[in-house]
Amino acid sequence: MGGGAPVPLEVAASYRARTRGLLRRDHLHGAILLTPAASVHTFRMRFPLDVAYLDRRLRVIAVHTVPPNRLTAPRLRARRILEAEAGTMAGWGVRPGVQVRVHLHGEVT
């Protein structure tokens, strides 16, 4: 991402997969893409998340760190959300305005 190395990616495109998300996990290797999605919650999560709100062209609208047991307000232009462990997105270069690319073999750059 941000011109860096590919990052392992899980895609949660069904209602069930989006609802389950990262529950019952102690960590996340890489990122998870929730689609469609405009907001997230971290209730019953075991670790804080970096959350990137993406528009329909996968351009980053905003990035926030969300602690456990929170609900985020929906972003009007957000169509997808990228989640990763707190502190990782800055290292990947994910910031507002960056275009995210998703590859079919399960990586995001």
PDB file of N, CA and C in Angstrom:
ATOM      1  N   MET A   1       0.843  -1.175   0.000  1.00  0.00           N
ATOM      2  CA  MET A   1       0.000   0.000   0.000  1.00  0.00           C
ATOM      3  C   MET A   1       0.883   1.231   0.000  1.00  0.00           C
ATOM      4  N   GLY A   2       0.363   2.278  -0.571  1.00  0.00           N
ATOM      5  CA  GLY A   2       1.160   3.485  -0.638  1.00  0.00           C
ATOM      6  C   GLY A   2       2.458   3.257  -1.383  1.00  0.00           C
ATOM      7  N   GLY A   3       2.474   2.307  -2.337  1.00  0.00           N
ATOM      8  CA  GLY A   3       3.673   2.018  -3.100  1.00  0.00           C
ATOM      9  C   GLY A   3       4.582   1.007  -2.446  1.00  0.00           C
ATOM     10  N   GLY A   4       4.189   0.469  -1.300  1.00  0.00           N
ATOM     11  CA  GLY A   4       5.024  -0.475  -0.576  1.00  0.00           C
ATOM     12  C   GLY A   4       4.771  -1.909  -0.990  1.00  0.00           C
ATOM     13  N   ALA A   5       5.219  -2.814  -0.150  1.00  0.00           N
ATOM     14  CA  ALA A   5       5.071  -4.249  -0.405  1.00  0.00           C
ATOM     15  C   ALA A   5       3.620  -4.673  -0.238  1.00  0.00           C
ATOM     16  N   PRO A   6       3.204  -5.731  -0.934  1.00  0.00           N
ATOM     17  CA  PRO A   6       1.840  -6.247  -0.767  1.00  0.00           C
ATOM     18  C   PRO A   6       1.588  -6.716   0.666  1.00  0.00           C
ATOM     19  N   VAL A   7       0.339  -6.593   1.084  1.00  0.00           N
ATOM     20  CA  VAL A   7      -0.092  -6.966   2.421  1.00  0.00           C
ATOM     21  C   VAL A   7      -1.136  -8.074   2.281  1.00  0.00           C
ATOM     22  N   PRO A   8      -1.038  -9.171   3.048  1.00  0.00           N
ATOM     23  CA  PRO A   8      -2.072 -10.210   2.994  1.00  0.00           C
ATOM     24  C   PRO A   8      -3.446  -9.613   3.310  1.00  0.00           C
ATOM     25  N   LEU A   9      -4.452 -10.059   2.557  1.00  0.00           N
ATOM     26  CA  LEU A   9      -5.786  -9.479   2.684  1.00  0.00           C
ATOM     27  C   LEU A   9      -6.847 -10.558   2.767  1.00  0.00           C
ATOM     28  N   GLU A  10      -7.769 -10.371   3.703  1.00  0.00           N
ATOM     29  CA  GLU A  10      -8.998 -11.162   3.762  1.00  0.00           C
ATOM     30  C   GLU A  10     -10.113 -10.254   3.270  1.00  0.00           C
ATOM     31  N   VAL A  11     -11.065 -10.808   2.542  1.00  0.00           N
ATOM     32  CA  VAL A  11     -12.215 -10.036   2.085  1.00  0.00           C
ATOM     33  C   VAL A  11     -13.468 -10.583   2.758  1.00  0.00           C
ATOM     34  N   ALA A  12     -14.216  -9.682   3.383  1.00  0.00           N
ATOM     35  CA  ALA A  12     -15.488 -10.041   4.026  1.00  0.00           C
ATOM     36  C   ALA A  12     -16.588  -9.364   3.215  1.00  0.00           C
ATOM     37  N   ALA A  13     -17.158 -10.119   2.259  1.00  0.00           N
ATOM     38  CA  ALA A  13     -18.153  -9.549   1.357  1.00  0.00           C
ATOM     39  C   ALA A  13     -19.580  -9.995   1.671  1.00  0.00           C
ATOM     40  N   SER A  14     -19.751 -11.033   2.462  1.00  0.00           N
ATOM     41  CA  SER A  14     -21.103 -11.470   2.818  1.00  0.00           C
ATOM     42  C   SER A  14     -21.497 -10.834   4.152  1.00  0.00           C
ATOM     43  N   TYR A  15     -22.790 -10.782   4.398  1.00  0.00           N
ATOM     44  CA  TYR A  15     -23.269 -10.234   5.668  1.00  0.00           C
ATOM     45  C   TYR A  15     -22.659 -10.994   6.844  1.00  0.00           C
ATOM     46  N   ARG A  16     -22.659 -12.313   6.749  1.00  0.00           N
ATOM     47  CA  ARG A  16     -22.111 -13.137   7.839  1.00  0.00           C
ATOM     48  C   ARG A  16     -20.618 -12.863   8.055  1.00  0.00           C
ATOM     49  N   ALA A  17     -19.849 -12.790   6.986  1.00  0.00           N
ATOM     50  CA  ALA A  17     -18.405 -12.537   7.108  1.00  0.00           C
ATOM     51  C   ALA A  17     -18.132 -11.151   7.686  1.00  0.00           C
ATOM     52  N   ARG A  18     -18.906 -10.147   7.267  1.00  0.00           N
ATOM     53  CA  ARG A  18     -18.721  -8.793   7.802  1.00  0.00           C
ATOM     54  C   ARG A  18     -19.095  -8.746   9.277  1.00  0.00           C
ATOM     55  N   THR A  19     -20.170  -9.436   9.650  1.00  0.00           N
ATOM     56  CA  THR A  19     -20.613  -9.447  11.041  1.00  0.00           C
ATOM     57  C   THR A  19     -19.592 -10.143  11.933  1.00  0.00           C
ATOM     58  N   ARG A  20     -19.054 -11.249  11.466  1.00  0.00           N
ATOM     59  CA  ARG A  20     -18.044 -11.997  12.236  1.00  0.00           C
ATOM     60  C   ARG A  20     -16.743 -11.212  12.295  1.00  0.00           C
ATOM     61  N   GLY A  21     -16.315 -10.634  11.161  1.00  0.00           N
ATOM     62  CA  GLY A  21     -15.125  -9.789  11.117  1.00  0.00           C
ATOM     63  C   GLY A  21     -13.946 -10.361  11.870  1.00  0.00           C
ATOM     64  N   LEU A  22     -13.500  -9.641  12.880  1.00  0.00           N
ATOM     65  CA  LEU A  22     -12.312 -10.025  13.639  1.00  0.00           C
ATOM     66  C   LEU A  22     -12.637 -10.540  15.039  1.00  0.00           C
ATOM     67  N   LEU A  23     -13.901 -10.865  15.284  1.00  0.00           N
ATOM     68  CA  LEU A  23     -14.271 -11.383  16.600  1.00  0.00           C
ATOM     69  C   LEU A  23     -13.525 -12.676  16.903  1.00  0.00           C
ATOM     70  N   ARG A  24     -13.211 -12.862  18.161  1.00  0.00           N
ATOM     71  CA  ARG A  24     -12.517 -14.055  18.679  1.00  0.00           C
ATOM     72  C   ARG A  24     -11.082 -14.191  18.174  1.00  0.00           C
ATOM     73  N   ARG A  25     -10.508 -13.121  17.689  1.00  0.00           N
ATOM     74  CA  ARG A  25      -9.103 -13.169  17.264  1.00  0.00           C
ATOM     75  C   ARG A  25      -8.263 -12.338  18.219  1.00  0.00           C
ATOM     76  N   ASP A  26      -7.026 -12.759  18.385  1.00  0.00           N
ATOM     77  CA  ASP A  26      -6.090 -12.013  19.226  1.00  0.00           C
ATOM     78  C   ASP A  26      -5.206 -11.089  18.411  1.00  0.00           C
ATOM     79  N   HIS A  27      -5.142 -11.288  17.107  1.00  0.00           N
ATOM     80  CA  HIS A  27      -4.358 -10.428  16.236  1.00  0.00           C
ATOM     81  C   HIS A  27      -4.802 -10.648  14.795  1.00  0.00           C
ATOM     82  N   LEU A  28      -4.286  -9.827  13.906  1.00  0.00           N
ATOM     83  CA  LEU A  28      -4.597  -9.922  12.481  1.00  0.00           C
ATOM     84  C   LEU A  28      -3.292  -9.790  11.714  1.00  0.00           C
ATOM     85  N   HIS A  29      -3.014 -10.777  10.889  1.00  0.00           N
ATOM     86  CA  HIS A  29      -1.831 -10.707  10.026  1.00  0.00           C
ATOM     87  C   HIS A  29      -2.287 -10.112   8.703  1.00  0.00           C
ATOM     88  N   GLY A  30      -1.916  -8.879   8.445  1.00  0.00           N
ATOM     89  CA  GLY A  30      -2.352  -8.208   7.223  1.00  0.00           C
ATOM     90  C   GLY A  30      -3.566  -7.342   7.494  1.00  0.00           C
ATOM     91  N   ALA A  31      -4.557  -7.426   6.599  1.00  0.00           N
ATOM     92  CA  ALA A  31      -5.740  -6.564   6.693  1.00  0.00           C
ATOM     93  C   ALA A  31      -6.981  -7.345   6.296  1.00  0.00           C
ATOM     94  N   ILE A  32      -8.135  -6.764   6.641  1.00  0.00           N
ATOM     95  CA  ILE A  32      -9.420  -7.322   6.211  1.00  0.00           C
ATOM     96  C   ILE A  32     -10.201  -6.192   5.549  1.00  0.00           C
ATOM     97  N   LEU A  33     -10.812  -6.494   4.414  1.00  0.00           N
ATOM     98  CA  LEU A  33     -11.610  -5.535   3.672  1.00  0.00           C
ATOM     99  C   LEU A  33     -13.085  -5.889   3.842  1.00  0.00           C
ATOM    100  N   LEU A  34     -13.847  -4.967   4.424  1.00  0.00           N
ATOM    101  CA  LEU A  34     -15.288  -5.147   4.597  1.00  0.00           C
ATOM    102  C   LEU A  34     -15.987  -4.447   3.437  1.00  0.00           C
ATOM    103  N   THR A  35     -16.780  -5.185   2.682  1.00  0.00           N
ATOM    104  CA  THR A  35     -17.447  -4.603   1.526  1.00  0.00           C
ATOM    105  C   THR A  35     -18.820  -5.221   1.334  1.00  0.00           C
ATOM    106  N   PRO A  36     -19.866  -4.430   1.226  1.00  0.00           N
ATOM    107  CA  PRO A  36     -19.905  -2.982   1.436  1.00  0.00           C
ATOM    108  C   PRO A  36     -19.914  -2.665   2.934  1.00  0.00           C
ATOM    109  N   ALA A  37     -19.452  -1.482   3.286  1.00  0.00           N
ATOM    110  CA  ALA A  37     -19.450  -1.032   4.678  1.00  0.00           C
ATOM    111  C   ALA A  37     -19.174   0.466   4.733  1.00  0.00           C
ATOM    112  N   ALA A  38     -19.804   1.144   5.682  1.00  0.00           N
ATOM    113  CA  ALA A  38     -19.588   2.570   5.878  1.00  0.00           C
ATOM    114  C   ALA A  38     -19.240   2.903   7.324  1.00  0.00           C
ATOM    115  N   SER A  39     -19.371   1.906   8.227  1.00  0.00           N
ATOM    116  CA  SER A  39     -19.007   2.101   9.626  1.00  0.00           C
ATOM    117  C   SER A  39     -18.625   0.748  10.204  1.00  0.00           C
ATOM    118  N   VAL A  40     -18.016   0.775  11.394  1.00  0.00           N
ATOM    119  CA  VAL A  40     -17.623  -0.465  12.063  1.00  0.00           C
ATOM    120  C   VAL A  40     -17.902  -0.349  13.554  1.00  0.00           C
ATOM    121  N   HIS A  41     -17.867  -1.487  14.213  1.00  0.00           N
ATOM    122  CA  HIS A  41     -17.909  -1.510  15.671  1.00  0.00           C
ATOM    123  C   HIS A  41     -16.767  -2.413  16.133  1.00  0.00           C
ATOM    124  N   THR A  42     -16.311  -2.166  17.343  1.00  0.00           N
ATOM    125  CA  THR A  42     -15.241  -2.996  17.909  1.00  0.00           C
ATOM    126  C   THR A  42     -15.700  -3.643  19.218  1.00  0.00           C
ATOM    127  N   PHE A  43     -17.008  -3.837  19.367  1.00  0.00           N
ATOM    128  CA  PHE A  43     -17.526  -4.505  20.555  1.00  0.00           C
ATOM    129  C   PHE A  43     -17.009  -5.944  20.594  1.00  0.00           C
ATOM    130  N   ARG A  44     -16.550  -6.364  21.766  1.00  0.00           N
ATOM    131  CA  ARG A  44     -15.978  -7.700  22.000  1.00  0.00           C
ATOM    132  C   ARG A  44     -14.671  -7.933  21.228  1.00  0.00           C
ATOM    133  N   MET A  45     -14.050  -6.877  20.747  1.00  0.00           N
ATOM    134  CA  MET A  45     -12.750  -7.016  20.089  1.00  0.00           C
ATOM    135  C   MET A  45     -11.669  -7.077  21.160  1.00  0.00           C
ATOM    136  N   ARG A  46     -10.590  -7.748  20.836  1.00  0.00           N
ATOM    137  CA  ARG A  46      -9.506  -7.935  21.809  1.00  0.00           C
ATOM    138  C   ARG A  46      -8.338  -6.983  21.610  1.00  0.00           C
ATOM    139  N   PHE A  47      -8.381  -6.185  20.532  1.00  0.00           N
ATOM    140  CA  PHE A  47      -7.277  -5.271  20.251  1.00  0.00           C
ATOM    141  C   PHE A  47      -7.805  -4.072  19.465  1.00  0.00           C
ATOM    142  N   PRO A  48      -7.118  -2.917  19.553  1.00  0.00           N
ATOM    143  CA  PRO A  48      -7.543  -1.746  18.793  1.00  0.00           C
ATOM    144  C   PRO A  48      -7.229  -1.917  17.305  1.00  0.00           C
ATOM    145  N   LEU A  49      -7.980  -1.186  16.473  1.00  0.00           N
ATOM    146  CA  LEU A  49      -7.837  -1.294  15.028  1.00  0.00           C
ATOM    147  C   LEU A  49      -7.505   0.037  14.383  1.00  0.00           C
ATOM    148  N   ASP A  50      -6.751  -0.019  13.303  1.00  0.00           N
ATOM    149  CA  ASP A  50      -6.698   1.083  12.348  1.00  0.00           C
ATOM    150  C   ASP A  50      -7.823   0.817  11.364  1.00  0.00           C
ATOM    151  N   VAL A  51      -8.630   1.836  11.101  1.00  0.00           N
ATOM    152  CA  VAL A  51      -9.767   1.711  10.197  1.00  0.00           C
ATOM    153  C   VAL A  51      -9.614   2.755   9.101  1.00  0.00           C
ATOM    154  N   ALA A  52      -9.569   2.299   7.847  1.00  0.00           N
ATOM    155  CA  ALA A  52      -9.501   3.201   6.696  1.00  0.00           C
ATOM    156  C   ALA A  52     -10.824   3.121   5.957  1.00  0.00           C
ATOM    157  N   TYR A  53     -11.465   4.262   5.787  1.00  0.00           N
ATOM    158  CA  TYR A  53     -12.717   4.352   5.044  1.00  0.00           C
ATOM    159  C   TYR A  53     -12.379   4.595   3.575  1.00  0.00           C
ATOM    160  N   LEU A  54     -12.924   3.754   2.685  1.00  0.00           N
ATOM    161  CA  LEU A  54     -12.609   3.827   1.259  1.00  0.00           C
ATOM    162  C   LEU A  54     -13.842   4.202   0.456  1.00  0.00           C
ATOM    163  N   ASP A  55     -13.654   5.024  -0.574  1.00  0.00           N
ATOM    164  CA  ASP A  55     -14.774   5.352  -1.456  1.00  0.00           C
ATOM    165  C   ASP A  55     -14.938   4.266  -2.514  1.00  0.00           C
ATOM    166  N   ARG A  56     -15.823   4.471  -3.475  1.00  0.00           N
ATOM    167  CA  ARG A  56     -16.101   3.420  -4.466  1.00  0.00           C
ATOM    168  C   ARG A  56     -14.911   3.127  -5.366  1.00  0.00           C
ATOM    169  N   ARG A  57     -13.952   4.042  -5.449  1.00  0.00           N
ATOM    170  CA  ARG A  57     -12.746   3.826  -6.260  1.00  0.00           C
ATOM    171  C   ARG A  57     -11.562   3.338  -5.424  1.00  0.00           C
ATOM    172  N   LEU A  58     -11.825   2.965  -4.177  1.00  0.00           N
ATOM    173  CA  LEU A  58     -10.821   2.490  -3.222  1.00  0.00           C
ATOM    174  C   LEU A  58      -9.819   3.573  -2.826  1.00  0.00           C
ATOM    175  N   ARG A  59     -10.234   4.821  -2.906  1.00  0.00           N
ATOM    176  CA  ARG A  59      -9.404   5.924  -2.427  1.00  0.00           C
ATOM    177  C   ARG A  59      -9.731   6.132  -0.947  1.00  0.00           C
ATOM    178  N   VAL A  60      -8.692   6.334  -0.145  1.00  0.00           N
ATOM    179  CA  VAL A  60      -8.861   6.496   1.304  1.00  0.00           C
ATOM    180  C   VAL A  60      -9.484   7.860   1.606  1.00  0.00           C
ATOM    181  N   ILE A  61     -10.611   7.823   2.318  1.00  0.00           N
ATOM    182  CA  ILE A  61     -11.297   9.046   2.742  1.00  0.00           C
ATOM    183  C   ILE A  61     -10.747   9.522   4.086  1.00  0.00           C
ATOM    184  N   ALA A  62     -10.585   8.579   5.013  1.00  0.00           N
ATOM    185  CA  ALA A  62     -10.110   8.893   6.364  1.00  0.00           C
ATOM    186  C   ALA A  62      -9.527   7.642   6.990  1.00  0.00           C
ATOM    187  N   VAL A  63      -8.639   7.847   7.956  1.00  0.00           N
ATOM    188  CA  VAL A  63      -8.048   6.739   8.721  1.00  0.00           C
ATOM    189  C   VAL A  63      -8.132   7.111  10.200  1.00  0.00           C
ATOM    190  N   HIS A  64      -8.623   6.170  11.008  1.00  0.00           N
ATOM    191  CA  HIS A  64      -8.731   6.383  12.452  1.00  0.00           C
ATOM    192  C   HIS A  64      -8.305   5.127  13.187  1.00  0.00           C
ATOM    193  N   THR A  65      -7.778   5.318  14.388  1.00  0.00           N
ATOM    194  CA  THR A  65      -7.525   4.197  15.285  1.00  0.00           C
ATOM    195  C   THR A  65      -8.719   4.106  16.221  1.00  0.00           C
ATOM    196  N   VAL A  66      -9.291   2.902  16.294  1.00  0.00           N
ATOM    197  CA  VAL A  66     -10.509   2.686  17.080  1.00  0.00           C
ATOM    198  C   VAL A  66     -10.211   1.675  18.179  1.00  0.00           C
ATOM    199  N   PRO A  67     -10.395   2.072  19.450  1.00  0.00           N
ATOM    200  CA  PRO A  67     -10.161   1.134  20.549  1.00  0.00           C
ATOM    201  C   PRO A  67     -11.296   0.113  20.641  1.00  0.00           C
ATOM    202  N   PRO A  68     -11.095  -0.962  21.396  1.00  0.00           N
ATOM    203  CA  PRO A  68     -12.172  -1.937  21.592  1.00  0.00           C
ATOM    204  C   PRO A  68     -13.420  -1.297  22.203  1.00  0.00           C
ATOM    205  N   ASN A  69     -14.570  -1.909  21.917  1.00  0.00           N
ATOM    206  CA  ASN A  69     -15.860  -1.519  22.485  1.00  0.00           C
ATOM    207  C   ASN A  69     -16.336  -0.134  22.067  1.00  0.00           C
ATOM    208  N   ARG A  70     -16.146   0.167  20.786  1.00  0.00           N
ATOM    209  CA  ARG A  70     -16.600   1.442  20.220  1.00  0.00           C
ATOM    210  C   ARG A  70     -17.435   1.180  18.969  1.00  0.00           C
ATOM    211  N   LEU A  71     -18.241   2.167  18.607  1.00  0.00           N
ATOM    212  CA  LEU A  71     -19.014   2.180  17.373  1.00  0.00           C
ATOM    213  C   LEU A  71     -18.622   3.437  16.624  1.00  0.00           C
ATOM    214  N   THR A  72     -18.273   3.301  15.351  1.00  0.00           N
ATOM    215  CA  THR A  72     -17.904   4.482  14.572  1.00  0.00           C
ATOM    216  C   THR A  72     -19.128   5.007  13.830  1.00  0.00           C
ATOM    217  N   ALA A  73     -19.158   6.309  13.604  1.00  0.00           N
ATOM    218  CA  ALA A  73     -20.234   6.919  12.817  1.00  0.00           C
ATOM    219  C   ALA A  73     -20.013   6.573  11.342  1.00  0.00           C
ATOM    220  N   PRO A  74     -21.083   6.365  10.600  1.00  0.00           N
ATOM    221  CA  PRO A  74     -20.930   6.070   9.172  1.00  0.00           C
ATOM    222  C   PRO A  74     -20.328   7.259   8.422  1.00  0.00           C
ATOM    223  N   ARG A  75     -19.510   6.967   7.448  1.00  0.00           N
ATOM    224  CA  ARG A  75     -18.962   7.982   6.542  1.00  0.00           C
ATOM    225  C   ARG A  75     -19.826   7.969   5.292  1.00  0.00           C
ATOM    226  N   LEU A  76     -20.360   9.099   4.906  1.00  0.00           N
ATOM    227  CA  LEU A  76     -21.311   9.158   3.806  1.00  0.00           C
ATOM    228  C   LEU A  76     -20.757   8.620   2.490  1.00  0.00           C
ATOM    229  N   ARG A  77     -19.519   8.919   2.148  1.00  0.00           N
ATOM    230  CA  ARG A  77     -18.949   8.469   0.868  1.00  0.00           C
ATOM    231  C   ARG A  77     -18.287   7.109   0.956  1.00  0.00           C
ATOM    232  N   ALA A  78     -18.173   6.552   2.157  1.00  0.00           N
ATOM    233  CA  ALA A  78     -17.481   5.267   2.312  1.00  0.00           C
ATOM    234  C   ALA A  78     -18.321   4.131   1.729  1.00  0.00           C
ATOM    235  N   ARG A  79     -17.663   3.271   0.967  1.00  0.00           N
ATOM    236  CA  ARG A  79     -18.305   2.079   0.400  1.00  0.00           C
ATOM    237  C   ARG A  79     -17.666   0.798   0.908  1.00  0.00           C
ATOM    238  N   ARG A  80     -16.426   0.917   1.387  1.00  0.00           N
ATOM    239  CA  ARG A  80     -15.676  -0.217   1.909  1.00  0.00           C
ATOM    240  C   ARG A  80     -14.834   0.268   3.085  1.00  0.00           C
ATOM    241  N   ILE A  81     -14.450  -0.685   3.939  1.00  0.00           N
ATOM    242  CA  ILE A  81     -13.581  -0.350   5.068  1.00  0.00           C
ATOM    243  C   ILE A  81     -12.447  -1.354   5.119  1.00  0.00           C
ATOM    244  N   LEU A  82     -11.249  -0.843   5.302  1.00  0.00           N
ATOM    245  CA  LEU A  82     -10.061  -1.660   5.464  1.00  0.00           C
ATOM    246  C   LEU A  82      -9.668  -1.596   6.935  1.00  0.00           C
ATOM    247  N   GLU A  83      -9.501  -2.777   7.558  1.00  0.00           N
ATOM    248  CA  GLU A  83      -9.119  -2.840   8.969  1.00  0.00           C
ATOM    249  C   GLU A  83      -7.783  -3.553   9.116  1.00  0.00           C
ATOM    250  N   ALA A  84      -7.000  -3.085  10.075  1.00  0.00           N
ATOM    251  CA  ALA A  84      -5.720  -3.712  10.413  1.00  0.00           C
ATOM    252  C   ALA A  84      -5.437  -3.418  11.880  1.00  0.00           C
ATOM    253  N   GLU A  85      -4.447  -4.114  12.446  1.00  0.00           N
ATOM    254  CA  GLU A  85      -4.070  -3.836  13.832  1.00  0.00           C
ATOM    255  C   GLU A  85      -3.616  -2.394  13.960  1.00  0.00           C
ATOM    256  N   ALA A  86      -3.950  -1.783  15.088  1.00  0.00           N
ATOM    257  CA  ALA A  86      -3.602  -0.382  15.334  1.00  0.00           C
ATOM    258  C   ALA A  86      -2.113  -0.147  15.137  1.00  0.00           C
ATOM    259  N   GLY A  87      -1.796   0.916  14.431  1.00  0.00           N
ATOM    260  CA  GLY A  87      -0.411   1.311  14.210  1.00  0.00           C
ATOM    261  C   GLY A  87       0.196   0.812  12.907  1.00  0.00           C
ATOM    262  N   THR A  88      -0.473  -0.096  12.210  1.00  0.00           N
ATOM    263  CA  THR A  88       0.133  -0.663  11.003  1.00  0.00           C
ATOM    264  C   THR A  88      -0.103   0.169   9.752  1.00  0.00           C
ATOM    265  N   MET A  89      -1.221   0.841   9.647  1.00  0.00           N
ATOM    266  CA  MET A  89      -1.526   1.561   8.396  1.00  0.00           C
ATOM    267  C   MET A  89      -0.564   2.701   8.120  1.00  0.00           C
ATOM    268  N   ALA A  90      -0.124   3.385   9.157  1.00  0.00           N
ATOM    269  CA  ALA A  90       0.846   4.463   8.944  1.00  0.00           C
ATOM    270  C   ALA A  90       2.127   3.907   8.330  1.00  0.00           C
ATOM    271  N   GLY A  91       2.561   2.753   8.792  1.00  0.00           N
ATOM    272  CA  GLY A  91       3.753   2.115   8.227  1.00  0.00           C
ATOM    273  C   GLY A  91       3.568   1.675   6.790  1.00  0.00           C
ATOM    274  N   TRP A  92       2.322   1.385   6.406  1.00  0.00           N
ATOM    275  CA  TRP A  92       2.019   0.995   5.032  1.00  0.00           C
ATOM    276  C   TRP A  92       1.830   2.200   4.120  1.00  0.00           C
ATOM    277  N   GLY A  93       1.765   3.402   4.708  1.00  0.00           N
ATOM    278  CA  GLY A  93       1.534   4.605   3.902  1.00  0.00           C
ATOM    279  C   GLY A  93       0.068   4.871   3.608  1.00  0.00           C
ATOM    280  N   VAL A  94      -0.828   4.261   4.372  1.00  0.00           N
ATOM    281  CA  VAL A  94      -2.263   4.485   4.178  1.00  0.00           C
ATOM    282  C   VAL A  94      -2.648   5.786   4.863  1.00  0.00           C
ATOM    283  N   ARG A  95      -3.122   6.735   4.070  1.00  0.00           N
ATOM    284  CA  ARG A  95      -3.536   8.042   4.568  1.00  0.00           C
ATOM    285  C   ARG A  95      -4.579   8.600   3.599  1.00  0.00           C
ATOM    286  N   PRO A  96      -5.337   9.610   3.988  1.00  0.00           N
ATOM    287  CA  PRO A  96      -6.357  10.157   3.097  1.00  0.00           C
ATOM    288  C   PRO A  96      -5.763  10.540   1.733  1.00  0.00           C
ATOM    289  N   GLY A  97      -6.492  10.176   0.684  1.00  0.00           N
ATOM    290  CA  GLY A  97      -6.071  10.480  -0.678  1.00  0.00           C
ATOM    291  C   GLY A  97      -5.341   9.340  -1.373  1.00  0.00           C
ATOM    292  N   VAL A  98      -4.831   8.368  -0.636  1.00  0.00           N
ATOM    293  CA  VAL A  98      -4.093   7.245  -1.213  1.00  0.00           C
ATOM    294  C   VAL A  98      -5.078   6.295  -1.898  1.00  0.00           C
ATOM    295  N   GLN A  99      -4.699   5.800  -3.060  1.00  0.00           N
ATOM    296  CA  GLN A  99      -5.489   4.801  -3.782  1.00  0.00           C
ATOM    297  C   GLN A  99      -5.010   3.416  -3.376  1.00  0.00           C
ATOM    298  N   VAL A 100      -5.938   2.577  -2.912  1.00  0.00           N
ATOM    299  CA  VAL A 100      -5.621   1.203  -2.513  1.00  0.00           C
ATOM    300  C   VAL A 100      -5.880   0.301  -3.709  1.00  0.00           C
ATOM    301  N   ARG A 101      -4.977  -0.654  -3.935  1.00  0.00           N
ATOM    302  CA  ARG A 101      -5.167  -1.628  -5.003  1.00  0.00           C
ATOM    303  C   ARG A 101      -5.305  -3.011  -4.384  1.00  0.00           C
ATOM    304  N   VAL A 102      -6.313  -3.736  -4.836  1.00  0.00           N
ATOM    305  CA  VAL A 102      -6.561  -5.102  -4.348  1.00  0.00           C
ATOM    306  C   VAL A 102      -6.264  -6.064  -5.479  1.00  0.00           C
ATOM    307  N   HIS A 103      -5.443  -7.081  -5.204  1.00  0.00           N
ATOM    308  CA  HIS A 103      -5.081  -8.084  -6.180  1.00  0.00           C
ATOM    309  C   HIS A 103      -5.888  -9.352  -5.926  1.00  0.00           C
ATOM    310  N   LEU A 104      -6.186 -10.060  -6.969  1.00  0.00           N
ATOM    311  CA  LEU A 104      -7.042 -11.242  -6.878  1.00  0.00           C
ATOM    312  C   LEU A 104      -6.463 -12.352  -6.012  1.00  0.00           C
ATOM    313  N   HIS A 105      -5.170 -12.409  -5.845  1.00  0.00           N
ATOM    314  CA  HIS A 105      -4.581 -13.488  -5.043  1.00  0.00           C
ATOM    315  C   HIS A 105      -4.482 -13.119  -3.559  1.00  0.00           C
ATOM    316  N   GLY A 106      -5.348 -12.208  -3.118  1.00  0.00           N
ATOM    317  CA  GLY A 106      -5.477 -11.961  -1.687  1.00  0.00           C
ATOM    318  C   GLY A 106      -4.454 -11.035  -1.084  1.00  0.00           C
ATOM    319  N   GLU A 107      -4.042 -10.027  -1.831  1.00  0.00           N
ATOM    320  CA  GLU A 107      -3.110  -9.022  -1.291  1.00  0.00           C
ATOM    321  C   GLU A 107      -3.669  -7.640  -1.617  1.00  0.00           C
ATOM    322  N   VAL A 108      -3.265  -6.691  -0.814  1.00  0.00           N
ATOM    323  CA  VAL A 108      -3.628  -5.308  -1.047  1.00  0.00           C
ATOM    324  C   VAL A 108      -2.330  -4.505  -1.105  1.00  0.00           C
ATOM    325  N   THR A 109      -2.254  -3.566  -2.046  1.00  0.00           N
ATOM    326  CA  THR A 109      -1.071  -2.696  -2.163  1.00  0.00           C
ATOM    327  C   THR A 109      -1.516  -1.259  -2.253  1.00  0.00           C
TER     328      THR A 109
END
